[in-house]
Amino acid sequence: DRELGRFLRGLRERGLYDRATIVFLAAHGEEFLDHGGWEHGP
């Protein structure tokens, strides 16, 4: 989150933010025994 904020600030400082198309995607989540599973399983 901090690094994404730093990246976006950098775009603004360089005058690129308003012309940029920014796509943010996560690969997967994690399960920490919420349903008996651990990490990212099946």
PDB file of all heavy atoms in Angstrom:
ATOM      1  N   ASP A   1       0.834  -1.201   0.000  1.00  0.00           N
ATOM      2  CA  ASP A   1       0.000   0.000   0.000  1.00  0.00           C
ATOM      3  C   ASP A   1       0.873   1.257   0.000  1.00  0.00           C
ATOM      4  O   ASP A   1       0.624   2.199  -0.762  1.00  0.00           O
ATOM      5  CB  ASP A   1      -0.934  -0.028   1.206  1.00  0.00           C
ATOM      6  CG  ASP A   1      -1.915   1.118   1.198  1.00  0.00           C
ATOM      7  OD1 ASP A   1      -2.613   1.292   0.179  1.00  0.00           O
ATOM      8  OD2 ASP A   1      -1.976   1.840   2.199  1.00  0.00           O
ATOM      9  N   ARG A   2       1.898   1.262   0.845  1.00  0.00           N
ATOM     10  CA  ARG A   2       2.810   2.413   0.887  1.00  0.00           C
ATOM     11  C   ARG A   2       3.527   2.602  -0.448  1.00  0.00           C
ATOM     12  O   ARG A   2       3.671   3.722  -0.940  1.00  0.00           O
ATOM     13  CB  ARG A   2       3.845   2.252   2.000  1.00  0.00           C
ATOM     14  CG  ARG A   2       3.334   2.575   3.383  1.00  0.00           C
ATOM     15  CD  ARG A   2       4.453   2.664   4.411  1.00  0.00           C
ATOM     16  NE  ARG A   2       5.321   1.486   4.425  1.00  0.00           N
ATOM     17  CZ  ARG A   2       5.087   0.370   5.128  1.00  0.00           C
ATOM     18  NH1 ARG A   2       4.009   0.281   5.878  1.00  0.00           N
ATOM     19  NH2 ARG A   2       5.933  -0.632   5.088  1.00  0.00           N
ATOM     20  N   GLU A   3       3.997   1.515  -1.036  1.00  0.00           N
ATOM     21  CA  GLU A   3       4.728   1.603  -2.307  1.00  0.00           C
ATOM     22  C   GLU A   3       3.816   2.049  -3.447  1.00  0.00           C
ATOM     23  O   GLU A   3       4.246   2.811  -4.316  1.00  0.00           O
ATOM     24  CB  GLU A   3       5.398   0.269  -2.636  1.00  0.00           C
ATOM     25  CG  GLU A   3       6.553  -0.048  -1.701  1.00  0.00           C
ATOM     26  CD  GLU A   3       7.623   1.025  -1.716  1.00  0.00           C
ATOM     27  OE1 GLU A   3       8.203   1.300  -2.788  1.00  0.00           O
ATOM     28  OE2 GLU A   3       7.897   1.602  -0.646  1.00  0.00           O
ATOM     29  N   LEU A   4       2.570   1.590  -3.455  1.00  0.00           N
ATOM     30  CA  LEU A   4       1.626   2.059  -4.459  1.00  0.00           C
ATOM     31  C   LEU A   4       1.402   3.560  -4.294  1.00  0.00           C
ATOM     32  O   LEU A   4       1.390   4.306  -5.285  1.00  0.00           O
ATOM     33  CB  LEU A   4       0.295   1.311  -4.361  1.00  0.00           C
ATOM     34  CG  LEU A   4      -0.779   1.763  -5.340  1.00  0.00           C
ATOM     35  CD1 LEU A   4      -0.331   1.559  -6.789  1.00  0.00           C
ATOM     36  CD2 LEU A   4      -2.083   1.037  -5.070  1.00  0.00           C
ATOM     37  N   GLY A   5       1.256   4.016  -3.062  1.00  0.00           N
ATOM     38  CA  GLY A   5       1.112   5.450  -2.806  1.00  0.00           C
ATOM     39  C   GLY A   5       2.324   6.230  -3.286  1.00  0.00           C
ATOM     40  O   GLY A   5       2.194   7.309  -3.878  1.00  0.00           O
ATOM     41  N   ARG A   6       3.495   5.685  -3.062  1.00  0.00           N
ATOM     42  CA  ARG A   6       4.732   6.338  -3.509  1.00  0.00           C
ATOM     43  C   ARG A   6       4.773   6.404  -5.039  1.00  0.00           C
ATOM     44  O   ARG A   6       5.159   7.424  -5.626  1.00  0.00           O
ATOM     45  CB  ARG A   6       5.933   5.570  -2.972  1.00  0.00           C
ATOM     46  CG  ARG A   6       7.239   6.283  -3.126  1.00  0.00           C
ATOM     47  CD  ARG A   6       8.321   5.571  -2.332  1.00  0.00           C
ATOM     48  NE  ARG A   6       8.726   4.348  -2.970  1.00  0.00           N
ATOM     49  CZ  ARG A   6       9.915   4.144  -3.529  1.00  0.00           C
ATOM     50  NH1 ARG A   6      10.819   5.090  -3.509  1.00  0.00           N
ATOM     51  NH2 ARG A   6      10.204   2.993  -4.081  1.00  0.00           N
ATOM     52  N   PHE A   7       4.364   5.338  -5.704  1.00  0.00           N
ATOM     53  CA  PHE A   7       4.310   5.307  -7.160  1.00  0.00           C
ATOM     54  C   PHE A   7       3.341   6.357  -7.695  1.00  0.00           C
ATOM     55  O   PHE A   7       3.661   7.105  -8.630  1.00  0.00           O
ATOM     56  CB  PHE A   7       3.900   3.904  -7.618  1.00  0.00           C
ATOM     57  CG  PHE A   7       3.663   3.788  -9.082  1.00  0.00           C
ATOM     58  CD1 PHE A   7       4.724   3.830  -9.975  1.00  0.00           C
ATOM     59  CD2 PHE A   7       2.377   3.637  -9.576  1.00  0.00           C
ATOM     60  CE1 PHE A   7       4.503   3.724 -11.344  1.00  0.00           C
ATOM     61  CE2 PHE A   7       2.151   3.519 -10.936  1.00  0.00           C
ATOM     62  CZ  PHE A   7       3.217   3.573 -11.822  1.00  0.00           C
ATOM     63  N   LEU A   8       2.137   6.418  -7.101  1.00  0.00           N
ATOM     64  CA  LEU A   8       1.146   7.394  -7.554  1.00  0.00           C
ATOM     65  C   LEU A   8       1.626   8.819  -7.317  1.00  0.00           C
ATOM     66  O   LEU A   8       1.418   9.702  -8.172  1.00  0.00           O
ATOM     67  CB  LEU A   8      -0.196   7.144  -6.862  1.00  0.00           C
ATOM     68  CG  LEU A   8      -0.867   5.809  -7.192  1.00  0.00           C
ATOM     69  CD1 LEU A   8      -2.130   5.632  -6.366  1.00  0.00           C
ATOM     70  CD2 LEU A   8      -1.144   5.675  -8.674  1.00  0.00           C
ATOM     71  N   ARG A   9       2.271   9.075  -6.184  1.00  0.00           N
ATOM     72  CA  ARG A   9       2.843  10.404  -5.929  1.00  0.00           C
ATOM     73  C   ARG A   9       3.887  10.753  -6.983  1.00  0.00           C
ATOM     74  O   ARG A   9       3.965  11.892  -7.456  1.00  0.00           O
ATOM     75  CB  ARG A   9       3.456  10.482  -4.536  1.00  0.00           C
ATOM     76  CG  ARG A   9       2.452  10.753  -3.437  1.00  0.00           C
ATOM     77  CD  ARG A   9       3.114  11.089  -2.098  1.00  0.00           C
ATOM     78  NE  ARG A   9       4.041  10.056  -1.657  1.00  0.00           N
ATOM     79  CZ  ARG A   9       3.697   8.910  -1.066  1.00  0.00           C
ATOM     80  NH1 ARG A   9       2.416   8.645  -0.845  1.00  0.00           N
ATOM     81  NH2 ARG A   9       4.608   8.028  -0.687  1.00  0.00           N
ATOM     82  N   GLY A  10       4.705   9.771  -7.345  1.00  0.00           N
ATOM     83  CA  GLY A  10       5.714   9.987  -8.372  1.00  0.00           C
ATOM     84  C   GLY A  10       5.097  10.360  -9.712  1.00  0.00           C
ATOM     85  O   GLY A  10       5.616  11.234 -10.421  1.00  0.00           O
ATOM     86  N   LEU A  11       4.004   9.702 -10.069  1.00  0.00           N
ATOM     87  CA  LEU A  11       3.309  10.064 -11.299  1.00  0.00           C
ATOM     88  C   LEU A  11       2.799  11.499 -11.238  1.00  0.00           C
ATOM     89  O   LEU A  11       2.917  12.254 -12.209  1.00  0.00           O
ATOM     90  CB  LEU A  11       2.135   9.112 -11.562  1.00  0.00           C
ATOM     91  CG  LEU A  11       2.470   7.678 -11.965  1.00  0.00           C
ATOM     92  CD1 LEU A  11       1.193   6.867 -12.105  1.00  0.00           C
ATOM     93  CD2 LEU A  11       3.278   7.636 -13.254  1.00  0.00           C
ATOM     94  N   ARG A  12       2.226  11.870 -10.082  1.00  0.00           N
ATOM     95  CA  ARG A  12       1.705  13.247  -9.932  1.00  0.00           C
ATOM     96  C   ARG A  12       2.838  14.262 -10.025  1.00  0.00           C
ATOM     97  O   ARG A  12       2.699  15.296 -10.687  1.00  0.00           O
ATOM     98  CB  ARG A  12       0.965  13.385  -8.603  1.00  0.00           C
ATOM     99  CG  ARG A  12      -0.386  12.722  -8.595  1.00  0.00           C
ATOM    100  CD  ARG A  12      -1.143  13.016  -7.299  1.00  0.00           C
ATOM    101  NE  ARG A  12      -2.389  12.309  -7.267  1.00  0.00           N
ATOM    102  CZ  ARG A  12      -2.601  11.175  -6.581  1.00  0.00           C
ATOM    103  NH1 ARG A  12      -1.633  10.644  -5.850  1.00  0.00           N
ATOM    104  NH2 ARG A  12      -3.772  10.581  -6.618  1.00  0.00           N
ATOM    105  N   GLU A  13       3.930  13.990  -9.342  1.00  0.00           N
ATOM    106  CA  GLU A  13       5.078  14.917  -9.344  1.00  0.00           C
ATOM    107  C   GLU A  13       5.639  15.114 -10.744  1.00  0.00           C
ATOM    108  O   GLU A  13       6.159  16.180 -11.063  1.00  0.00           O
ATOM    109  CB  GLU A  13       6.170  14.392  -8.419  1.00  0.00           C
ATOM    110  CG  GLU A  13       5.809  14.468  -6.955  1.00  0.00           C
ATOM    111  CD  GLU A  13       6.753  13.666  -6.063  1.00  0.00           C
ATOM    112  OE1 GLU A  13       7.705  13.033  -6.583  1.00  0.00           O
ATOM    113  OE2 GLU A  13       6.530  13.667  -4.836  1.00  0.00           O
ATOM    114  N   ARG A  14       5.552  14.107 -11.579  1.00  0.00           N
ATOM    115  CA  ARG A  14       6.084  14.178 -12.942  1.00  0.00           C
ATOM    116  C   ARG A  14       5.034  14.643 -13.958  1.00  0.00           C
ATOM    117  O   ARG A  14       5.299  14.693 -15.152  1.00  0.00           O
ATOM    118  CB  ARG A  14       6.628  12.818 -13.345  1.00  0.00           C
ATOM    119  CG  ARG A  14       7.868  12.438 -12.576  1.00  0.00           C
ATOM    120  CD  ARG A  14       8.206  10.966 -12.742  1.00  0.00           C
ATOM    121  NE  ARG A  14       9.384  10.574 -12.015  1.00  0.00           N
ATOM    122  CZ  ARG A  14       9.445  10.324 -10.709  1.00  0.00           C
ATOM    123  NH1 ARG A  14       8.371  10.448  -9.961  1.00  0.00           N
ATOM    124  NH2 ARG A  14      10.576   9.962 -10.131  1.00  0.00           N
ATOM    125  N   GLY A  15       3.832  14.963 -13.473  1.00  0.00           N
ATOM    126  CA  GLY A  15       2.764  15.419 -14.357  1.00  0.00           C
ATOM    127  C   GLY A  15       2.190  14.322 -15.237  1.00  0.00           C
ATOM    128  O   GLY A  15       1.598  14.609 -16.274  1.00  0.00           O
ATOM    129  N   LEU A  16       2.331  13.078 -14.833  1.00  0.00           N
ATOM    130  CA  LEU A  16       1.875  11.956 -15.636  1.00  0.00           C
ATOM    131  C   LEU A  16       0.569  11.336 -15.141  1.00  0.00           C
ATOM    132  O   LEU A  16      -0.055  10.562 -15.858  1.00  0.00           O
ATOM    133  CB  LEU A  16       2.957  10.861 -15.668  1.00  0.00           C
ATOM    134  CG  LEU A  16       4.300  11.284 -16.236  1.00  0.00           C
ATOM    135  CD1 LEU A  16       5.331  10.182 -16.015  1.00  0.00           C
ATOM    136  CD2 LEU A  16       4.164  11.627 -17.702  1.00  0.00           C
ATOM    137  N   TYR A  17       0.173  11.675 -13.949  1.00  0.00           N
ATOM    138  CA  TYR A  17      -0.968  11.014 -13.314  1.00  0.00           C
ATOM    139  C   TYR A  17      -2.263  11.184 -14.108  1.00  0.00           C
ATOM    140  O   TYR A  17      -2.994  10.225 -14.332  1.00  0.00           O
ATOM    141  CB  TYR A  17      -1.145  11.526 -11.886  1.00  0.00           C
ATOM    142  CG  TYR A  17      -2.267  10.865 -11.146  1.00  0.00           C
ATOM    143  CD1 TYR A  17      -2.076   9.644 -10.515  1.00  0.00           C
ATOM    144  CD2 TYR A  17      -3.531  11.444 -11.077  1.00  0.00           C
ATOM    145  CE1 TYR A  17      -3.100   9.009  -9.831  1.00  0.00           C
ATOM    146  CE2 TYR A  17      -4.564  10.829 -10.395  1.00  0.00           C
ATOM    147  CZ  TYR A  17      -4.342   9.612  -9.777  1.00  0.00           C
ATOM    148  OH  TYR A  17      -5.362   8.993  -9.109  1.00  0.00           O
ATOM    149  N   ASP A  18      -2.558  12.411 -14.551  1.00  0.00           N
ATOM    150  CA  ASP A  18      -3.830  12.677 -15.220  1.00  0.00           C
ATOM    151  C   ASP A  18      -3.939  11.982 -16.571  1.00  0.00           C
ATOM    152  O   ASP A  18      -5.037  11.773 -17.076  1.00  0.00           O
ATOM    153  CB  ASP A  18      -4.035  14.179 -15.391  1.00  0.00           C
ATOM    154  CG  ASP A  18      -4.306  14.871 -14.059  1.00  0.00           C
ATOM    155  OD1 ASP A  18      -4.808  14.200 -13.139  1.00  0.00           O
ATOM    156  OD2 ASP A  18      -4.003  16.071 -13.949  1.00  0.00           O
ATOM    157  N   ARG A  19      -2.817  11.611 -17.187  1.00  0.00           N
ATOM    158  CA  ARG A  19      -2.838  10.943 -18.485  1.00  0.00           C
ATOM    159  C   ARG A  19      -2.634   9.434 -18.360  1.00  0.00           C
ATOM    160  O   ARG A  19      -2.665   8.723 -19.358  1.00  0.00           O
ATOM    161  CB  ARG A  19      -1.742  11.520 -19.389  1.00  0.00           C
ATOM    162  CG  ARG A  19      -2.014  12.970 -19.760  1.00  0.00           C
ATOM    163  CD  ARG A  19      -0.931  13.535 -20.653  1.00  0.00           C
ATOM    164  NE  ARG A  19       0.272  13.728 -19.847  1.00  0.00           N
ATOM    165  CZ  ARG A  19       1.506  13.473 -20.259  1.00  0.00           C
ATOM    166  NH1 ARG A  19       1.716  13.003 -21.461  1.00  0.00           N
ATOM    167  NH2 ARG A  19       2.530  13.701 -19.481  1.00  0.00           N
ATOM    168  N   ALA A  20      -2.430   8.956 -17.156  1.00  0.00           N
ATOM    169  CA  ALA A  20      -2.104   7.541 -16.957  1.00  0.00           C
ATOM    170  C   ALA A  20      -3.365   6.694 -16.812  1.00  0.00           C
ATOM    171  O   ALA A  20      -4.380   7.145 -16.293  1.00  0.00           O
ATOM    172  CB  ALA A  20      -1.251   7.377 -15.710  1.00  0.00           C
ATOM    173  N   THR A  21      -3.281   5.475 -17.288  1.00  0.00           N
ATOM    174  CA  THR A  21      -4.275   4.456 -16.982  1.00  0.00           C
ATOM    175  C   THR A  21      -3.618   3.519 -15.985  1.00  0.00           C
ATOM    176  O   THR A  21      -2.588   2.910 -16.277  1.00  0.00           O
ATOM    177  CB  THR A  21      -4.685   3.671 -18.242  1.00  0.00           C
ATOM    178  OG1 THR A  21      -5.251   4.580 -19.186  1.00  0.00           O
ATOM    179  CG2 THR A  21      -5.683   2.580 -17.898  1.00  0.00           C
ATOM    180  N   ILE A  22      -4.179   3.435 -14.818  1.00  0.00           N
ATOM    181  CA  ILE A  22      -3.572   2.664 -13.732  1.00  0.00           C
ATOM    182  C   ILE A  22      -4.449   1.457 -13.441  1.00  0.00           C
ATOM    183  O   ILE A  22      -5.648   1.590 -13.226  1.00  0.00           O
ATOM    184  CB  ILE A  22      -3.407   3.539 -12.473  1.00  0.00           C
ATOM    185  CG1 ILE A  22      -2.533   4.742 -12.812  1.00  0.00           C
ATOM    186  CG2 ILE A  22      -2.830   2.728 -11.322  1.00  0.00           C
ATOM    187  CD1 ILE A  22      -2.612   5.858 -11.824  1.00  0.00           C
ATOM    188  N   VAL A  23      -3.853   0.289 -13.459  1.00  0.00           N
ATOM    189  CA  VAL A  23      -4.556  -0.950 -13.169  1.00  0.00           C
ATOM    190  C   VAL A  23      -3.857  -1.617 -12.000  1.00  0.00           C
ATOM    191  O   VAL A  23      -2.645  -1.818 -12.028  1.00  0.00           O
ATOM    192  CB  VAL A  23      -4.559  -1.896 -14.391  1.00  0.00           C
ATOM    193  CG1 VAL A  23      -5.267  -3.196 -14.054  1.00  0.00           C
ATOM    194  CG2 VAL A  23      -5.193  -1.216 -15.590  1.00  0.00           C
ATOM    195  N   PHE A  24      -4.599  -1.930 -10.977  1.00  0.00           N
ATOM    196  CA  PHE A  24      -4.071  -2.573  -9.778  1.00  0.00           C
ATOM    197  C   PHE A  24      -4.809  -3.893  -9.599  1.00  0.00           C
ATOM    198  O   PHE A  24      -6.029  -3.933  -9.587  1.00  0.00           O
ATOM    199  CB  PHE A  24      -4.294  -1.670  -8.560  1.00  0.00           C
ATOM    200  CG  PHE A  24      -3.813  -2.260  -7.275  1.00  0.00           C
ATOM    201  CD1 PHE A  24      -2.473  -2.258  -6.954  1.00  0.00           C
ATOM    202  CD2 PHE A  24      -4.712  -2.830  -6.399  1.00  0.00           C
ATOM    203  CE1 PHE A  24      -2.035  -2.813  -5.766  1.00  0.00           C
ATOM    204  CE2 PHE A  24      -4.288  -3.386  -5.207  1.00  0.00           C
ATOM    205  CZ  PHE A  24      -2.938  -3.377  -4.892  1.00  0.00           C
ATOM    206  N   LEU A  25      -4.050  -4.976  -9.490  1.00  0.00           N
ATOM    207  CA  LEU A  25      -4.638  -6.307  -9.385  1.00  0.00           C
ATOM    208  C   LEU A  25      -3.865  -7.139  -8.373  1.00  0.00           C
ATOM    209  O   LEU A  25      -2.641  -7.112  -8.356  1.00  0.00           O
ATOM    210  CB  LEU A  25      -4.586  -6.992 -10.754  1.00  0.00           C
ATOM    211  CG  LEU A  25      -4.982  -8.458 -10.832  1.00  0.00           C
ATOM    212  CD1 LEU A  25      -6.466  -8.616 -10.558  1.00  0.00           C
ATOM    213  CD2 LEU A  25      -4.623  -9.015 -12.192  1.00  0.00           C
ATOM    214  N   ALA A  26      -4.580  -7.869  -7.555  1.00  0.00           N
ATOM    215  CA  ALA A  26      -3.948  -8.816  -6.638  1.00  0.00           C
ATOM    216  C   ALA A  26      -4.011 -10.206  -7.259  1.00  0.00           C
ATOM    217  O   ALA A  26      -4.927 -10.515  -8.020  1.00  0.00           O
ATOM    218  CB  ALA A  26      -4.655  -8.818  -5.284  1.00  0.00           C
ATOM    219  N   ALA A  27      -3.046 -11.037  -6.951  1.00  0.00           N
ATOM    220  CA  ALA A  27      -2.989 -12.380  -7.524  1.00  0.00           C
ATOM    221  C   ALA A  27      -3.973 -13.323  -6.845  1.00  0.00           C
ATOM    222  O   ALA A  27      -4.691 -14.059  -7.500  1.00  0.00           O
ATOM    223  CB  ALA A  27      -1.579 -12.940  -7.418  1.00  0.00           C
ATOM    224  N   HIS A  28      -3.999 -13.338  -5.534  1.00  0.00           N
ATOM    225  CA  HIS A  28      -4.890 -14.213  -4.776  1.00  0.00           C
ATOM    226  C   HIS A  28      -4.861 -13.786  -3.320  1.00  0.00           C
ATOM    227  O   HIS A  28      -4.014 -13.011  -2.906  1.00  0.00           O
ATOM    228  CB  HIS A  28      -4.465 -15.679  -4.904  1.00  0.00           C
ATOM    229  CG  HIS A  28      -3.056 -15.928  -4.446  1.00  0.00           C
ATOM    230  ND1 HIS A  28      -2.701 -15.997  -3.127  1.00  0.00           N
ATOM    231  CD2 HIS A  28      -1.926 -16.090  -5.161  1.00  0.00           C
ATOM    232  CE1 HIS A  28      -1.400 -16.205  -3.036  1.00  0.00           C
ATOM    233  NE2 HIS A  28      -0.901 -16.257  -4.258  1.00  0.00           N
ATOM    234  N   GLY A  29      -5.772 -14.305  -2.554  1.00  0.00           N
ATOM    235  CA  GLY A  29      -5.795 -14.044  -1.132  1.00  0.00           C
ATOM    236  C   GLY A  29      -5.201 -15.213  -0.367  1.00  0.00           C
ATOM    237  O   GLY A  29      -4.648 -16.144  -0.947  1.00  0.00           O
ATOM    238  N   GLU A  30      -5.309 -15.139   0.917  1.00  0.00           N
ATOM    239  CA  GLU A  30      -4.807 -16.198   1.795  1.00  0.00           C
ATOM    240  C   GLU A  30      -5.918 -16.632   2.745  1.00  0.00           C
ATOM    241  O   GLU A  30      -6.767 -15.835   3.120  1.00  0.00           O
ATOM    242  CB  GLU A  30      -3.613 -15.712   2.617  1.00  0.00           C
ATOM    243  CG  GLU A  30      -2.418 -15.297   1.799  1.00  0.00           C
ATOM    244  CD  GLU A  30      -1.713 -16.458   1.132  1.00  0.00           C
ATOM    245  OE1 GLU A  30      -1.908 -17.612   1.556  1.00  0.00           O
ATOM    246  OE2 GLU A  30      -0.965 -16.218   0.172  1.00  0.00           O
ATOM    247  N   GLU A  31      -5.884 -17.862   3.118  1.00  0.00           N
ATOM    248  CA  GLU A  31      -6.828 -18.402   4.089  1.00  0.00           C
ATOM    249  C   GLU A  31      -6.028 -18.766   5.332  1.00  0.00           C
ATOM    250  O   GLU A  31      -5.091 -19.546   5.274  1.00  0.00           O
ATOM    251  CB  GLU A  31      -7.515 -19.643   3.523  1.00  0.00           C
ATOM    252  CG  GLU A  31      -8.551 -20.215   4.445  1.00  0.00           C
ATOM    253  CD  GLU A  31      -9.227 -21.444   3.849  1.00  0.00           C
ATOM    254  OE1 GLU A  31      -8.930 -21.819   2.716  1.00  0.00           O
ATOM    255  OE2 GLU A  31     -10.050 -22.022   4.569  1.00  0.00           O
ATOM    256  N   PHE A  32      -6.367 -18.163   6.434  1.00  0.00           N
ATOM    257  CA  PHE A  32      -5.671 -18.424   7.699  1.00  0.00           C
ATOM    258  C   PHE A  32      -6.605 -19.169   8.649  1.00  0.00           C
ATOM    259  O   PHE A  32      -7.063 -18.636   9.645  1.00  0.00           O
ATOM    260  CB  PHE A  32      -5.173 -17.123   8.323  1.00  0.00           C
ATOM    261  CG  PHE A  32      -4.117 -16.453   7.497  1.00  0.00           C
ATOM    262  CD1 PHE A  32      -4.357 -15.234   6.891  1.00  0.00           C
ATOM    263  CD2 PHE A  32      -2.881 -17.045   7.316  1.00  0.00           C
ATOM    264  CE1 PHE A  32      -3.378 -14.612   6.129  1.00  0.00           C
ATOM    265  CE2 PHE A  32      -1.899 -16.436   6.563  1.00  0.00           C
ATOM    266  CZ  PHE A  32      -2.149 -15.218   5.967  1.00  0.00           C
ATOM    267  N   LEU A  33      -6.924 -20.392   8.295  1.00  0.00           N
ATOM    268  CA  LEU A  33      -7.781 -21.285   9.072  1.00  0.00           C
ATOM    269  C   LEU A  33      -9.223 -20.803   9.164  1.00  0.00           C
ATOM    270  O   LEU A  33      -9.974 -21.270  10.008  1.00  0.00           O
ATOM    271  CB  LEU A  33      -7.197 -21.511  10.474  1.00  0.00           C
ATOM    272  CG  LEU A  33      -5.791 -22.110  10.498  1.00  0.00           C
ATOM    273  CD1 LEU A  33      -5.266 -22.168  11.920  1.00  0.00           C
ATOM    274  CD2 LEU A  33      -5.795 -23.498   9.874  1.00  0.00           C
ATOM    275  N   ASP A  34      -9.611 -19.892   8.280  1.00  0.00           N
ATOM    276  CA  ASP A  34     -10.982 -19.388   8.298  1.00  0.00           C
ATOM    277  C   ASP A  34     -11.994 -20.504   8.076  1.00  0.00           C
ATOM    278  O   ASP A  34     -13.084 -20.483   8.639  1.00  0.00           O
ATOM    279  CB  ASP A  34     -11.174 -18.309   7.233  1.00  0.00           C
ATOM    280  CG  ASP A  34     -10.281 -17.109   7.465  1.00  0.00           C
ATOM    281  OD1 ASP A  34     -10.162 -16.679   8.620  1.00  0.00           O
ATOM    282  OD2 ASP A  34      -9.702 -16.612   6.487  1.00  0.00           O
ATOM    283  N   HIS A  35     -11.655 -21.460   7.256  1.00  0.00           N
ATOM    284  CA  HIS A  35     -12.529 -22.598   6.964  1.00  0.00           C
ATOM    285  C   HIS A  35     -11.769 -23.910   7.163  1.00  0.00           C
ATOM    286  O   HIS A  35     -12.071 -24.915   6.531  1.00  0.00           O
ATOM    287  CB  HIS A  35     -13.051 -22.518   5.531  1.00  0.00           C
ATOM    288  CG  HIS A  35     -13.749 -21.229   5.233  1.00  0.00           C
ATOM    289  ND1 HIS A  35     -15.060 -20.988   5.589  1.00  0.00           N
ATOM    290  CD2 HIS A  35     -13.318 -20.100   4.640  1.00  0.00           C
ATOM    291  CE1 HIS A  35     -15.400 -19.776   5.220  1.00  0.00           C
ATOM    292  NE2 HIS A  35     -14.364 -19.208   4.643  1.00  0.00           N
ATOM    293  N   GLY A  36     -10.761 -23.859   7.985  1.00  0.00           N
ATOM    294  CA  GLY A  36      -9.956 -25.039   8.250  1.00  0.00           C
ATOM    295  C   GLY A  36      -8.757 -25.178   7.340  1.00  0.00           C
ATOM    296  O   GLY A  36      -7.906 -26.035   7.554  1.00  0.00           O
ATOM    297  N   GLY A  37      -8.672 -24.333   6.327  1.00  0.00           N
ATOM    298  CA  GLY A  37      -7.543 -24.382   5.401  1.00  0.00           C
ATOM    299  C   GLY A  37      -6.453 -23.409   5.794  1.00  0.00           C
ATOM    300  O   GLY A  37      -6.626 -22.533   6.634  1.00  0.00           O
ATOM    301  N   TRP A  38      -5.331 -23.584   5.137  1.00  0.00           N
ATOM    302  CA  TRP A  38      -4.170 -22.780   5.464  1.00  0.00           C
ATOM    303  C   TRP A  38      -3.567 -22.194   4.194  1.00  0.00           C
ATOM    304  O   TRP A  38      -3.374 -22.904   3.208  1.00  0.00           O
ATOM    305  CB  TRP A  38      -3.145 -23.657   6.189  1.00  0.00           C
ATOM    306  CG  TRP A  38      -1.898 -22.950   6.573  1.00  0.00           C
ATOM    307  CD1 TRP A  38      -0.659 -23.185   6.079  1.00  0.00           C
ATOM    308  CD2 TRP A  38      -1.752 -21.916   7.525  1.00  0.00           C
ATOM    309  NE1 TRP A  38       0.247 -22.346   6.654  1.00  0.00           N
ATOM    310  CE2 TRP A  38      -0.403 -21.549   7.563  1.00  0.00           C
ATOM    311  CE3 TRP A  38      -2.644 -21.227   8.343  1.00  0.00           C
ATOM    312  CZ2 TRP A  38       0.093 -20.541   8.378  1.00  0.00           C
ATOM    313  CZ3 TRP A  38      -2.150 -20.228   9.164  1.00  0.00           C
ATOM    314  CH2 TRP A  38      -0.812 -19.904   9.182  1.00  0.00           C
ATOM    315  N   GLU A  39      -3.293 -20.902   4.200  1.00  0.00           N
ATOM    316  CA  GLU A  39      -2.693 -20.167   3.089  1.00  0.00           C
ATOM    317  C   GLU A  39      -3.558 -20.259   1.840  1.00  0.00           C
ATOM    318  O   GLU A  39      -4.763 -20.181   1.912  1.00  0.00           O
ATOM    319  CB  GLU A  39      -1.256 -20.622   2.848  1.00  0.00           C
ATOM    320  CG  GLU A  39      -0.353 -20.310   4.033  1.00  0.00           C
ATOM    321  CD  GLU A  39       1.068 -20.706   3.818  1.00  0.00           C
ATOM    322  OE1 GLU A  39       1.328 -21.668   3.086  1.00  0.00           O
ATOM    323  OE2 GLU A  39       1.931 -20.030   4.388  1.00  0.00           O
ATOM    324  N   HIS A  40      -2.970 -20.407   0.660  1.00  0.00           N
ATOM    325  CA  HIS A  40      -3.779 -20.481  -0.559  1.00  0.00           C
ATOM    326  C   HIS A  40      -3.716 -21.902  -1.111  1.00  0.00           C
ATOM    327  O   HIS A  40      -2.785 -22.309  -1.751  1.00  0.00           O
ATOM    328  CB  HIS A  40      -3.362 -19.440  -1.600  1.00  0.00           C
ATOM    329  CG  HIS A  40      -1.917 -19.440  -1.954  1.00  0.00           C
ATOM    330  ND1 HIS A  40      -0.970 -18.794  -1.199  1.00  0.00           N
ATOM    331  CD2 HIS A  40      -1.250 -20.016  -2.964  1.00  0.00           C
ATOM    332  CE1 HIS A  40       0.218 -18.973  -1.745  1.00  0.00           C
ATOM    333  NE2 HIS A  40       0.082 -19.705  -2.816  1.00  0.00           N
ATOM    334  N   GLY A  41      -4.762 -22.622  -0.765  1.00  0.00           N
ATOM    335  CA  GLY A  41      -4.852 -24.022  -1.137  1.00  0.00           C
ATOM    336  C   GLY A  41      -5.887 -24.256  -2.210  1.00  0.00           C
ATOM    337  O   GLY A  41      -6.198 -23.374  -3.006  1.00  0.00           O
ATOM    338  N   PRO A  42      -6.490 -25.417  -2.213  1.00  0.00           N
ATOM    339  CA  PRO A  42      -7.395 -25.802  -3.295  1.00  0.00           C
ATOM    340  C   PRO A  42      -8.852 -25.369  -3.100  1.00  0.00           C
ATOM    341  O   PRO A  42      -9.709 -25.778  -3.878  1.00  0.00           O
ATOM    342  CB  PRO A  42      -7.284 -27.325  -3.285  1.00  0.00           C
ATOM    343  CG  PRO A  42      -7.048 -27.663  -1.848  1.00  0.00           C
ATOM    344  CD  PRO A  42      -6.173 -26.545  -1.332  1.00  0.00           C
TER     345      PRO A  42
END
